[in-house]
Amino acid sequence: MKMLSLASAPFFFAQAANPFGGGSVMVIAYGLLFAAMYFLMIAPQRKKQKELQKMIDSLQAGDEVLTTGGIFGEITNKKEDRFVVRIAENTKVEIGRGFIQTVVKKTGEDKSK
């Protein structure tokens, strides 16, 4: 017995619906497959990317951040395409905007937490 793969499923349904070669059913099936893929995979990723960009644009000096490399630091200066981050006493590094993963603590938050 042959196993059906996910890629051949629209073709199978198209043949079952119209055994004389109904191509329009197959086009509709592929369209539904693409729409499902868009709403399950592409749309949430785009939303997450927009939120990350908004967070990066709102960063200011004094915010504590986590980089994609796993380094915690405090932003001391904001340049056009990068941040200057203090990671230890007398140690500052410049990090590209795309390498900020998340904000640990904003400047205006309560420090007693």
PDB file of N, CA and C in Angstrom:
ATOM      1  N   MET A   1       0.840  -1.187   0.000  1.00  0.00           N
ATOM      2  CA  MET A   1       0.000   0.000   0.000  1.00  0.00           C
ATOM      3  C   MET A   1       0.879   1.243   0.000  1.00  0.00           C
ATOM      4  N   LYS A   2       0.597   2.165  -0.893  1.00  0.00           N
ATOM      5  CA  LYS A   2       1.372   3.396  -0.992  1.00  0.00           C
ATOM      6  C   LYS A   2       0.929   4.388   0.075  1.00  0.00           C
ATOM      7  N   MET A   3       1.887   5.092   0.645  1.00  0.00           N
ATOM      8  CA  MET A   3       1.597   6.146   1.608  1.00  0.00           C
ATOM      9  C   MET A   3       1.534   7.471   0.857  1.00  0.00           C
ATOM     10  N   LEU A   4       0.589   8.301   1.213  1.00  0.00           N
ATOM     11  CA  LEU A   4       0.468   9.604   0.589  1.00  0.00           C
ATOM     12  C   LEU A   4       1.354  10.605   1.314  1.00  0.00           C
ATOM     13  N   SER A   5       2.071  11.401   0.550  1.00  0.00           N
ATOM     14  CA  SER A   5       2.836  12.480   1.164  1.00  0.00           C
ATOM     15  C   SER A   5       1.966  13.727   1.189  1.00  0.00           C
ATOM     16  N   LEU A   6       2.394  14.697   1.986  1.00  0.00           N
ATOM     17  CA  LEU A   6       1.639  15.948   2.111  1.00  0.00           C
ATOM     18  C   LEU A   6       1.618  16.701   0.786  1.00  0.00           C
ATOM     19  N   ALA A   7       2.694  16.589   0.007  1.00  0.00           N
ATOM     20  CA  ALA A   7       2.758  17.303  -1.265  1.00  0.00           C
ATOM     21  C   ALA A   7       1.783  16.723  -2.291  1.00  0.00           C
ATOM     22  N   SER A   8       1.493  15.441  -2.203  1.00  0.00           N
ATOM     23  CA  SER A   8       0.598  14.829  -3.186  1.00  0.00           C
ATOM     24  C   SER A   8      -0.863  14.866  -2.747  1.00  0.00           C
ATOM     25  N   ALA A   9      -1.144  15.375  -1.552  1.00  0.00           N
ATOM     26  CA  ALA A   9      -2.512  15.413  -1.051  1.00  0.00           C
ATOM     27  C   ALA A   9      -3.433  16.257  -1.926  1.00  0.00           C
ATOM     28  N   PRO A  10      -3.048  17.469  -2.368  1.00  0.00           N
ATOM     29  CA  PRO A  10      -3.956  18.233  -3.236  1.00  0.00           C
ATOM     30  C   PRO A  10      -4.238  17.516  -4.562  1.00  0.00           C
ATOM     31  N   PHE A  11      -3.221  16.866  -5.120  1.00  0.00           N
ATOM     32  CA  PHE A  11      -3.419  16.127  -6.361  1.00  0.00           C
ATOM     33  C   PHE A  11      -4.397  14.978  -6.155  1.00  0.00           C
ATOM     34  N   PHE A  12      -4.275  14.290  -5.012  1.00  0.00           N
ATOM     35  CA  PHE A  12      -5.170  13.181  -4.701  1.00  0.00           C
ATOM     36  C   PHE A  12      -6.616  13.661  -4.599  1.00  0.00           C
ATOM     37  N   PHE A  13      -6.818  14.782  -3.892  1.00  0.00           N
ATOM     38  CA  PHE A  13      -8.172  15.304  -3.744  1.00  0.00           C
ATOM     39  C   PHE A  13      -8.725  15.813  -5.076  1.00  0.00           C
ATOM     40  N   ALA A  14      -7.862  16.370  -5.909  1.00  0.00           N
ATOM     41  CA  ALA A  14      -8.307  16.841  -7.210  1.00  0.00           C
ATOM     42  C   ALA A  14      -8.767  15.668  -8.070  1.00  0.00           C
ATOM     43  N   GLN A  15      -8.051  14.571  -8.012  1.00  0.00           N
ATOM     44  CA  GLN A  15      -8.423  13.392  -8.786  1.00  0.00           C
ATOM     45  C   GLN A  15      -9.691  12.751  -8.237  1.00  0.00           C
ATOM     46  N   ALA A  16      -9.849  12.775  -6.921  1.00  0.00           N
ATOM     47  CA  ALA A  16     -11.028  12.173  -6.313  1.00  0.00           C
ATOM     48  C   ALA A  16     -12.277  12.993  -6.632  1.00  0.00           C
ATOM     49  N   ALA A  17     -12.131  14.316  -6.705  1.00  0.00           N
ATOM     50  CA  ALA A  17     -13.276  15.166  -6.964  1.00  0.00           C
ATOM     51  C   ALA A  17     -13.713  15.086  -8.428  1.00  0.00           C
ATOM     52  N   ASN A  18     -12.751  15.020  -9.324  1.00  0.00           N
ATOM     53  CA  ASN A  18     -13.065  14.973 -10.747  1.00  0.00           C
ATOM     54  C   ASN A  18     -12.085  14.023 -11.432  1.00  0.00           C
ATOM     55  N   PRO A  19     -12.473  12.780 -11.686  1.00  0.00           N
ATOM     56  CA  PRO A  19     -11.536  11.808 -12.248  1.00  0.00           C
ATOM     57  C   PRO A  19     -11.134  12.115 -13.681  1.00  0.00           C
ATOM     58  N   PHE A  20     -11.741  13.092 -14.329  1.00  0.00           N
ATOM     59  CA  PHE A  20     -11.428  13.418 -15.716  1.00  0.00           C
ATOM     60  C   PHE A  20     -10.410  14.551 -15.831  1.00  0.00           C
ATOM     61  N   GLY A  21      -9.707  14.863 -14.729  1.00  0.00           N
ATOM     62  CA  GLY A  21      -8.622  15.843 -14.793  1.00  0.00           C
ATOM     63  C   GLY A  21      -9.038  17.253 -14.450  1.00  0.00           C
ATOM     64  N   GLY A  22      -9.747  17.474 -13.370  1.00  0.00           N
ATOM     65  CA  GLY A  22     -10.175  18.812 -12.961  1.00  0.00           C
ATOM     66  C   GLY A  22      -9.019  19.593 -12.374  1.00  0.00           C
ATOM     67  N   GLY A  23      -8.357  20.393 -13.173  1.00  0.00           N
ATOM     68  CA  GLY A  23      -7.204  21.165 -12.722  1.00  0.00           C
ATOM     69  C   GLY A  23      -7.569  22.312 -11.804  1.00  0.00           C
ATOM     70  N   SER A  24      -8.787  22.826 -11.935  1.00  0.00           N
ATOM     71  CA  SER A  24      -9.165  23.968 -11.105  1.00  0.00           C
ATOM     72  C   SER A  24      -9.281  23.576  -9.636  1.00  0.00           C
ATOM     73  N   VAL A  25      -9.682  22.356  -9.362  1.00  0.00           N
ATOM     74  CA  VAL A  25      -9.763  21.891  -7.972  1.00  0.00           C
ATOM     75  C   VAL A  25      -8.366  21.817  -7.368  1.00  0.00           C
ATOM     76  N   MET A  26      -7.405  21.406  -8.171  1.00  0.00           N
ATOM     77  CA  MET A  26      -6.024  21.312  -7.693  1.00  0.00           C
ATOM     78  C   MET A  26      -5.464  22.706  -7.396  1.00  0.00           C
ATOM     79  N   VAL A  27      -5.782  23.669  -8.240  1.00  0.00           N
ATOM     80  CA  VAL A  27      -5.322  25.037  -8.015  1.00  0.00           C
ATOM     81  C   VAL A  27      -5.921  25.579  -6.722  1.00  0.00           C
ATOM     82  N   ILE A  28      -7.186  25.308  -6.493  1.00  0.00           N
ATOM     83  CA  ILE A  28      -7.840  25.753  -5.260  1.00  0.00           C
ATOM     84  C   ILE A  28      -7.213  25.075  -4.051  1.00  0.00           C
ATOM     85  N   ALA A  29      -6.898  23.792  -4.172  1.00  0.00           N
ATOM     86  CA  ALA A  29      -6.285  23.070  -3.058  1.00  0.00           C
ATOM     87  C   ALA A  29      -4.908  23.642  -2.727  1.00  0.00           C
ATOM     88  N   TYR A  30      -4.105  23.950  -3.748  1.00  0.00           N
ATOM     89  CA  TYR A  30      -2.799  24.561  -3.506  1.00  0.00           C
ATOM     90  C   TYR A  30      -2.959  25.970  -2.929  1.00  0.00           C
ATOM     91  N   GLY A  31      -3.959  26.693  -3.361  1.00  0.00           N
ATOM     92  CA  GLY A  31      -4.224  28.020  -2.803  1.00  0.00           C
ATOM     93  C   GLY A  31      -4.575  27.956  -1.332  1.00  0.00           C
ATOM     94  N   LEU A  32      -5.404  26.991  -0.964  1.00  0.00           N
ATOM     95  CA  LEU A  32      -5.752  26.808   0.452  1.00  0.00           C
ATOM     96  C   LEU A  32      -4.536  26.394   1.267  1.00  0.00           C
ATOM     97  N   LEU A  33      -3.691  25.557   0.688  1.00  0.00           N
ATOM     98  CA  LEU A  33      -2.468  25.141   1.376  1.00  0.00           C
ATOM     99  C   LEU A  33      -1.547  26.338   1.612  1.00  0.00           C
ATOM    100  N   PHE A  34      -1.407  27.208   0.601  1.00  0.00           N
ATOM    101  CA  PHE A  34      -0.571  28.401   0.751  1.00  0.00           C
ATOM    102  C   PHE A  34      -1.159  29.355   1.788  1.00  0.00           C
ATOM    103  N   ALA A  35      -2.484  29.531   1.766  1.00  0.00           N
ATOM    104  CA  ALA A  35      -3.130  30.423   2.731  1.00  0.00           C
ATOM    105  C   ALA A  35      -2.931  29.922   4.158  1.00  0.00           C
ATOM    106  N   ALA A  36      -3.066  28.629   4.359  1.00  0.00           N
ATOM    107  CA  ALA A  36      -2.853  28.063   5.695  1.00  0.00           C
ATOM    108  C   ALA A  36      -1.414  28.258   6.134  1.00  0.00           C
ATOM    109  N   MET A  37      -0.474  28.060   5.220  1.00  0.00           N
ATOM    110  CA  MET A  37       0.938  28.239   5.548  1.00  0.00           C
ATOM    111  C   MET A  37       1.227  29.701   5.914  1.00  0.00           C
ATOM    112  N   TYR A  38       0.612  30.632   5.185  1.00  0.00           N
ATOM    113  CA  TYR A  38       0.826  32.046   5.461  1.00  0.00           C
ATOM    114  C   TYR A  38       0.333  32.403   6.860  1.00  0.00           C
ATOM    115  N   PHE A  39      -0.889  31.990   7.201  1.00  0.00           N
ATOM    116  CA  PHE A  39      -1.464  32.371   8.484  1.00  0.00           C
ATOM    117  C   PHE A  39      -0.835  31.634   9.658  1.00  0.00           C
ATOM    118  N   LEU A  40      -0.249  30.472   9.423  1.00  0.00           N
ATOM    119  CA  LEU A  40       0.361  29.715  10.517  1.00  0.00           C
ATOM    120  C   LEU A  40       1.848  30.002  10.697  1.00  0.00           C
ATOM    121  N   MET A  41       2.529  30.437   9.636  1.00  0.00           N
ATOM    122  CA  MET A  41       3.976  30.598   9.735  1.00  0.00           C
ATOM    123  C   MET A  41       4.461  32.014   9.430  1.00  0.00           C
ATOM    124  N   ILE A  42       4.051  32.578   8.333  1.00  0.00           N
ATOM    125  CA  ILE A  42       4.624  33.842   7.872  1.00  0.00           C
ATOM    126  C   ILE A  42       4.085  35.037   8.655  1.00  0.00           C
ATOM    127  N   ALA A  43       2.779  35.116   8.850  1.00  0.00           N
ATOM    128  CA  ALA A  43       2.183  36.271   9.543  1.00  0.00           C
ATOM    129  C   ALA A  43       2.684  36.418  10.983  1.00  0.00           C
ATOM    130  N   PRO A  44       2.735  35.341  11.797  1.00  0.00           N
ATOM    131  CA  PRO A  44       3.257  35.524  13.161  1.00  0.00           C
ATOM    132  C   PRO A  44       4.723  35.951  13.191  1.00  0.00           C
ATOM    133  N   GLN A  45       5.526  35.462  12.240  1.00  0.00           N
ATOM    134  CA  GLN A  45       6.937  35.835  12.198  1.00  0.00           C
ATOM    135  C   GLN A  45       7.092  37.319  11.849  1.00  0.00           C
ATOM    136  N   ARG A  46       6.292  37.813  10.915  1.00  0.00           N
ATOM    137  CA  ARG A  46       6.349  39.231  10.559  1.00  0.00           C
ATOM    138  C   ARG A  46       5.924  40.106  11.732  1.00  0.00           C
ATOM    139  N   LYS A  47       4.904  39.674  12.476  1.00  0.00           N
ATOM    140  CA  LYS A  47       4.446  40.424  13.643  1.00  0.00           C
ATOM    141  C   LYS A  47       5.546  40.489  14.706  1.00  0.00           C
ATOM    142  N   LYS A  48       6.209  39.373  14.932  1.00  0.00           N
ATOM    143  CA  LYS A  48       7.288  39.319  15.915  1.00  0.00           C
ATOM    144  C   LYS A  48       8.445  40.223  15.487  1.00  0.00           C
ATOM    145  N   GLN A  49       8.762  40.241  14.193  1.00  0.00           N
ATOM    146  CA  GLN A  49       9.843  41.079  13.680  1.00  0.00           C
ATOM    147  C   GLN A  49       9.518  42.561  13.850  1.00  0.00           C
ATOM    148  N   LYS A  50       8.265  42.950  13.615  1.00  0.00           N
ATOM    149  CA  LYS A  50       7.861  44.350  13.796  1.00  0.00           C
ATOM    150  C   LYS A  50       7.955  44.764  15.265  1.00  0.00           C
ATOM    151  N   GLU A  51       7.562  43.872  16.185  1.00  0.00           N
ATOM    152  CA  GLU A  51       7.652  44.179  17.615  1.00  0.00           C
ATOM    153  C   GLU A  51       9.108  44.343  18.042  1.00  0.00           C
ATOM    154  N   LEU A  52       9.993  43.490  17.516  1.00  0.00           N
ATOM    155  CA  LEU A  52      11.418  43.583  17.842  1.00  0.00           C
ATOM    156  C   LEU A  52      11.994  44.894  17.327  1.00  0.00           C
ATOM    157  N   GLN A  53      11.625  45.287  16.109  1.00  0.00           N
ATOM    158  CA  GLN A  53      12.122  46.545  15.552  1.00  0.00           C
ATOM    159  C   GLN A  53      11.626  47.740  16.363  1.00  0.00           C
ATOM    160  N   LYS A  54      10.379  47.696  16.811  1.00  0.00           N
ATOM    161  CA  LYS A  54       9.825  48.774  17.637  1.00  0.00           C
ATOM    162  C   LYS A  54      10.567  48.860  18.971  1.00  0.00           C
ATOM    163  N   MET A  55      10.898  47.700  19.558  1.00  0.00           N
ATOM    164  CA  MET A  55      11.635  47.663  20.818  1.00  0.00           C
ATOM    165  C   MET A  55      13.034  48.238  20.632  1.00  0.00           C
ATOM    166  N   ILE A  56      13.706  47.893  19.541  1.00  0.00           N
ATOM    167  CA  ILE A  56      15.058  48.393  19.293  1.00  0.00           C
ATOM    168  C   ILE A  56      15.038  49.903  19.068  1.00  0.00           C
ATOM    169  N   ASP A  57      14.034  50.397  18.367  1.00  0.00           N
ATOM    170  CA  ASP A  57      13.939  51.837  18.123  1.00  0.00           C
ATOM    171  C   ASP A  57      13.690  52.631  19.405  1.00  0.00           C
ATOM    172  N   SER A  58      13.082  52.012  20.411  1.00  0.00           N
ATOM    173  CA  SER A  58      12.760  52.730  21.645  1.00  0.00           C
ATOM    174  C   SER A  58      13.871  52.641  22.697  1.00  0.00           C
ATOM    175  N   LEU A  59      14.971  51.968  22.394  1.00  0.00           N
ATOM    176  CA  LEU A  59      16.061  51.849  23.373  1.00  0.00           C
ATOM    177  C   LEU A  59      16.738  53.191  23.598  1.00  0.00           C
ATOM    178  N   GLN A  60      17.153  53.418  24.854  1.00  0.00           N
ATOM    179  CA  GLN A  60      17.816  54.654  25.235  1.00  0.00           C
ATOM    180  C   GLN A  60      19.031  54.315  26.086  1.00  0.00           C
ATOM    181  N   ALA A  61      19.857  55.312  26.330  1.00  0.00           N
ATOM    182  CA  ALA A  61      20.994  55.140  27.225  1.00  0.00           C
ATOM    183  C   ALA A  61      20.481  54.804  28.623  1.00  0.00           C
ATOM    184  N   GLY A  62      21.081  53.821  29.254  1.00  0.00           N
ATOM    185  CA  GLY A  62      20.668  53.390  30.583  1.00  0.00           C
ATOM    186  C   GLY A  62      19.868  52.100  30.576  1.00  0.00           C
ATOM    187  N   ASP A  63      19.339  51.702  29.427  1.00  0.00           N
ATOM    188  CA  ASP A  63      18.591  50.447  29.338  1.00  0.00           C
ATOM    189  C   ASP A  63      19.549  49.263  29.411  1.00  0.00           C
ATOM    190  N   GLU A  64      19.145  48.239  30.149  1.00  0.00           N
ATOM    191  CA  GLU A  64      19.935  47.004  30.208  1.00  0.00           C
ATOM    192  C   GLU A  64      19.388  46.045  29.170  1.00  0.00           C
ATOM    193  N   VAL A  65      20.303  45.457  28.369  1.00  0.00           N
ATOM    194  CA  VAL A  65      19.893  44.605  27.261  1.00  0.00           C
ATOM    195  C   VAL A  65      20.630  43.267  27.307  1.00  0.00           C
ATOM    196  N   LEU A  66      20.081  42.316  26.558  1.00  0.00           N
ATOM    197  CA  LEU A  66      20.712  41.019  26.342  1.00  0.00           C
ATOM    198  C   LEU A  66      20.978  40.904  24.860  1.00  0.00           C
ATOM    199  N   THR A  67      22.218  40.590  24.483  1.00  0.00           N
ATOM    200  CA  THR A  67      22.556  40.453  23.071  1.00  0.00           C
ATOM    201  C   THR A  67      22.298  39.015  22.616  1.00  0.00           C
ATOM    202  N   THR A  68      22.316  38.820  21.297  1.00  0.00           N
ATOM    203  CA  THR A  68      22.123  37.468  20.772  1.00  0.00           C
ATOM    204  C   THR A  68      23.284  36.557  21.133  1.00  0.00           C
ATOM    205  N   GLY A  69      24.407  37.120  21.498  1.00  0.00           N
ATOM    206  CA  GLY A  69      25.553  36.331  21.935  1.00  0.00           C
ATOM    207  C   GLY A  69      25.491  35.958  23.407  1.00  0.00           C
ATOM    208  N   GLY A  70      24.455  36.402  24.114  1.00  0.00           N
ATOM    209  CA  GLY A  70      24.291  36.054  25.514  1.00  0.00           C
ATOM    210  C   GLY A  70      24.981  37.005  26.476  1.00  0.00           C
ATOM    211  N   ILE A  71      25.351  38.174  26.026  1.00  0.00           N
ATOM    212  CA  ILE A  71      26.045  39.147  26.871  1.00  0.00           C
ATOM    213  C   ILE A  71      25.040  40.161  27.399  1.00  0.00           C
ATOM    214  N   PHE A  72      25.045  40.346  28.722  1.00  0.00           N
ATOM    215  CA  PHE A  72      24.215  41.365  29.363  1.00  0.00           C
ATOM    216  C   PHE A  72      25.028  42.638  29.467  1.00  0.00           C
ATOM    217  N   GLY A  73      24.388  43.784  29.236  1.00  0.00           N
ATOM    218  CA  GLY A  73      25.089  45.048  29.354  1.00  0.00           C
ATOM    219  C   GLY A  73      24.125  46.204  29.419  1.00  0.00           C
ATOM    220  N   GLU A  74      24.678  47.372  29.653  1.00  0.00           N
ATOM    221  CA  GLU A  74      23.889  48.602  29.754  1.00  0.00           C
ATOM    222  C   GLU A  74      24.274  49.526  28.615  1.00  0.00           C
ATOM    223  N   ILE A  75      23.270  50.043  27.919  1.00  0.00           N
ATOM    224  CA  ILE A  75      23.527  50.952  26.813  1.00  0.00           C
ATOM    225  C   ILE A  75      24.017  52.282  27.372  1.00  0.00           C
ATOM    226  N   THR A  76      25.156  52.748  26.862  1.00  0.00           N
ATOM    227  CA  THR A  76      25.688  54.030  27.304  1.00  0.00           C
ATOM    228  C   THR A  76      25.543  55.102  26.230  1.00  0.00           C
ATOM    229  N   ASN A  77      25.488  54.675  24.967  1.00  0.00           N
ATOM    230  CA  ASN A  77      25.385  55.628  23.876  1.00  0.00           C
ATOM    231  C   ASN A  77      24.647  54.965  22.715  1.00  0.00           C
ATOM    232  N   LYS A  78      23.852  55.758  22.018  1.00  0.00           N
ATOM    233  CA  LYS A  78      23.080  55.254  20.878  1.00  0.00           C
ATOM    234  C   LYS A  78      23.574  55.962  19.626  1.00  0.00           C
ATOM    235  N   LYS A  79      24.075  55.179  18.665  1.00  0.00           N
ATOM    236  CA  LYS A  79      24.511  55.731  17.390  1.00  0.00           C
ATOM    237  C   LYS A  79      23.499  55.346  16.318  1.00  0.00           C
ATOM    238  N   GLU A  80      23.735  55.795  15.097  1.00  0.00           N
ATOM    239  CA  GLU A  80      22.768  55.556  14.022  1.00  0.00           C
ATOM    240  C   GLU A  80      22.577  54.069  13.726  1.00  0.00           C
ATOM    241  N   ASP A  81      23.662  53.310  13.654  1.00  0.00           N
ATOM    242  CA  ASP A  81      23.563  51.906  13.265  1.00  0.00           C
ATOM    243  C   ASP A  81      24.039  50.929  14.341  1.00  0.00           C
ATOM    244  N   ARG A  82      24.371  51.428  15.528  1.00  0.00           N
ATOM    245  CA  ARG A  82      24.869  50.551  16.594  1.00  0.00           C
ATOM    246  C   ARG A  82      24.682  51.196  17.965  1.00  0.00           C
ATOM    247  N   PHE A  83      24.900  50.375  18.987  1.00  0.00           N
ATOM    248  CA  PHE A  83      24.831  50.839  20.374  1.00  0.00           C
ATOM    249  C   PHE A  83      26.188  50.633  21.016  1.00  0.00           C
ATOM    250  N   VAL A  84      26.534  51.536  21.919  1.00  0.00           N
ATOM    251  CA  VAL A  84      27.718  51.337  22.763  1.00  0.00           C
ATOM    252  C   VAL A  84      27.195  50.772  24.072  1.00  0.00           C
ATOM    253  N   VAL A  85      27.679  49.577  24.429  1.00  0.00           N
ATOM    254  CA  VAL A  85      27.157  48.851  25.587  1.00  0.00           C
ATOM    255  C   VAL A  85      28.285  48.613  26.577  1.00  0.00           C
ATOM    256  N   ARG A  86      28.035  48.969  27.855  1.00  0.00           N
ATOM    257  CA  ARG A  86      29.003  48.695  28.913  1.00  0.00           C
ATOM    258  C   ARG A  86      28.705  47.306  29.462  1.00  0.00           C
ATOM    259  N   ILE A  87      29.694  46.394  29.356  1.00  0.00           N
ATOM    260  CA  ILE A  87      29.484  45.028  29.817  1.00  0.00           C
ATOM    261  C   ILE A  87      30.212  44.748  31.130  1.00  0.00           C
ATOM    262  N   ALA A  88      31.131  45.621  31.516  1.00  0.00           N
ATOM    263  CA  ALA A  88      31.836  45.515  32.800  1.00  0.00           C
ATOM    264  C   ALA A  88      32.425  46.891  33.103  1.00  0.00           C
ATOM    265  N   GLU A  89      33.006  47.029  34.285  1.00  0.00           N
ATOM    266  CA  GLU A  89      33.638  48.297  34.633  1.00  0.00           C
ATOM    267  C   GLU A  89      34.772  48.576  33.648  1.00  0.00           C
ATOM    268  N   ASN A  90      34.766  49.775  33.082  1.00  0.00           N
ATOM    269  CA  ASN A  90      35.772  50.216  32.114  1.00  0.00           C
ATOM    270  C   ASN A  90      35.834  49.342  30.862  1.00  0.00           C
ATOM    271  N   THR A  91      34.747  48.650  30.526  1.00  0.00           N
ATOM    272  CA  THR A  91      34.710  47.824  29.321  1.00  0.00           C
ATOM    273  C   THR A  91      33.446  48.149  28.537  1.00  0.00           C
ATOM    274  N   LYS A  92      33.646  48.751  27.369  1.00  0.00           N
ATOM    275  CA  LYS A  92      32.529  49.092  26.496  1.00  0.00           C
ATOM    276  C   LYS A  92      32.758  48.438  25.140  1.00  0.00           C
ATOM    277  N   VAL A  93      31.674  47.973  24.536  1.00  0.00           N
ATOM    278  CA  VAL A  93      31.734  47.385  23.197  1.00  0.00           C
ATOM    279  C   VAL A  93      30.656  48.035  22.339  1.00  0.00           C
ATOM    280  N   GLU A  94      30.901  48.055  21.039  1.00  0.00           N
ATOM    281  CA  GLU A  94      29.894  48.548  20.109  1.00  0.00           C
ATOM    282  C   GLU A  94      29.193  47.342  19.496  1.00  0.00           C
ATOM    283  N   ILE A  95      27.864  47.362  19.543  1.00  0.00           N
ATOM    284  CA  ILE A  95      27.061  46.235  19.074  1.00  0.00           C
ATOM    285  C   ILE A  95      26.088  46.744  18.019  1.00  0.00           C
ATOM    286  N   GLY A  96      25.987  46.024  16.919  1.00  0.00           N
ATOM    287  CA  GLY A  96      25.046  46.378  15.865  1.00  0.00           C
ATOM    288  C   GLY A  96      23.612  46.288  16.366  1.00  0.00           C
ATOM    289  N   ARG A  97      22.747  47.095  15.788  1.00  0.00           N
ATOM    290  CA  ARG A  97      21.346  47.151  16.221  1.00  0.00           C
ATOM    291  C   ARG A  97      20.656  45.792  16.117  1.00  0.00           C
ATOM    292  N   GLY A  98      21.009  45.010  15.137  1.00  0.00           N
ATOM    293  CA  GLY A  98      20.371  43.716  14.930  1.00  0.00           C
ATOM    294  C   GLY A  98      20.775  42.643  15.927  1.00  0.00           C
ATOM    295  N   PHE A  99      21.764  42.925  16.761  1.00  0.00           N
ATOM    296  CA  PHE A  99      22.249  41.926  17.704  1.00  0.00           C
ATOM    297  C   PHE A  99      21.691  42.102  19.109  1.00  0.00           C
ATOM    298  N   ILE A 100      20.740  43.008  19.277  1.00  0.00           N
ATOM    299  CA  ILE A 100      20.050  43.150  20.558  1.00  0.00           C
ATOM    300  C   ILE A 100      18.876  42.172  20.544  1.00  0.00           C
ATOM    301  N   GLN A 101      18.846  41.277  21.518  1.00  0.00           N
ATOM    302  CA  GLN A 101      17.793  40.260  21.560  1.00  0.00           C
ATOM    303  C   GLN A 101      16.584  40.722  22.364  1.00  0.00           C
ATOM    304  N   THR A 102      16.833  41.255  23.554  1.00  0.00           N
ATOM    305  CA  THR A 102      15.721  41.678  24.402  1.00  0.00           C
ATOM    306  C   THR A 102      16.183  42.740  25.393  1.00  0.00           C
ATOM    307  N   VAL A 103      15.224  43.446  25.964  1.00  0.00           N
ATOM    308  CA  VAL A 103      15.502  44.446  26.995  1.00  0.00           C
ATOM    309  C   VAL A 103      15.296  43.784  28.345  1.00  0.00           C
ATOM    310  N   VAL A 104      16.314  43.839  29.195  1.00  0.00           N
ATOM    311  CA  VAL A 104      16.213  43.261  30.530  1.00  0.00           C
ATOM    312  C   VAL A 104      15.533  44.237  31.467  1.00  0.00           C
ATOM    313  N   LYS A 105      15.951  45.513  31.395  1.00  0.00           N
ATOM    314  CA  LYS A 105      15.381  46.535  32.280  1.00  0.00           C
ATOM    315  C   LYS A 105      15.428  47.882  31.585  1.00  0.00           C
ATOM    316  N   LYS A 106      14.282  48.551  31.502  1.00  0.00           N
ATOM    317  CA  LYS A 106      14.226  49.883  30.924  1.00  0.00           C
ATOM    318  C   LYS A 106      14.708  50.905  31.944  1.00  0.00           C
ATOM    319  N   THR A 107      15.095  52.082  31.471  1.00  0.00           N
ATOM    320  CA  THR A 107      15.624  53.138  32.331  1.00  0.00           C
ATOM    321  C   THR A 107      14.625  53.578  33.380  1.00  0.00           C
ATOM    322  N   GLY A 108      13.363  53.734  33.020  1.00  0.00           N
ATOM    323  CA  GLY A 108      12.353  54.253  33.932  1.00  0.00           C
ATOM    324  C   GLY A 108      11.756  53.237  34.879  1.00  0.00           C
ATOM    325  N   GLU A 109      12.157  51.962  34.805  1.00  0.00           N
ATOM    326  CA  GLU A 109      11.562  50.920  35.680  1.00  0.00           C
ATOM    327  C   GLU A 109      12.099  51.041  37.106  1.00  0.00           C
ATOM    328  N   ASP A 110      11.338  50.478  38.023  1.00  0.00           N
ATOM    329  CA  ASP A 110      11.717  50.472  39.430  1.00  0.00           C
ATOM    330  C   ASP A 110      12.925  49.568  39.623  1.00  0.00           C
ATOM    331  N   LYS A 111      13.995  50.085  40.227  1.00  0.00           N
ATOM    332  CA  LYS A 111      15.238  49.323  40.418  1.00  0.00           C
ATOM    333  C   LYS A 111      15.169  48.357  41.602  1.00  0.00           C
ATOM    334  N   SER A 112      14.133  48.408  42.437  1.00  0.00           N
ATOM    335  CA  SER A 112      14.056  47.568  43.637  1.00  0.00           C
ATOM    336  C   SER A 112      13.563  46.155  43.340  1.00  0.00           C
ATOM    337  N   LYS A 113      13.188  45.846  42.129  1.00  0.00           N
ATOM    338  CA  LYS A 113      12.673  44.506  41.799  1.00  0.00           C
ATOM    339  C   LYS A 113      13.772  43.478  41.751  1.00  0.00           C
TER     340      LYS A 113
END
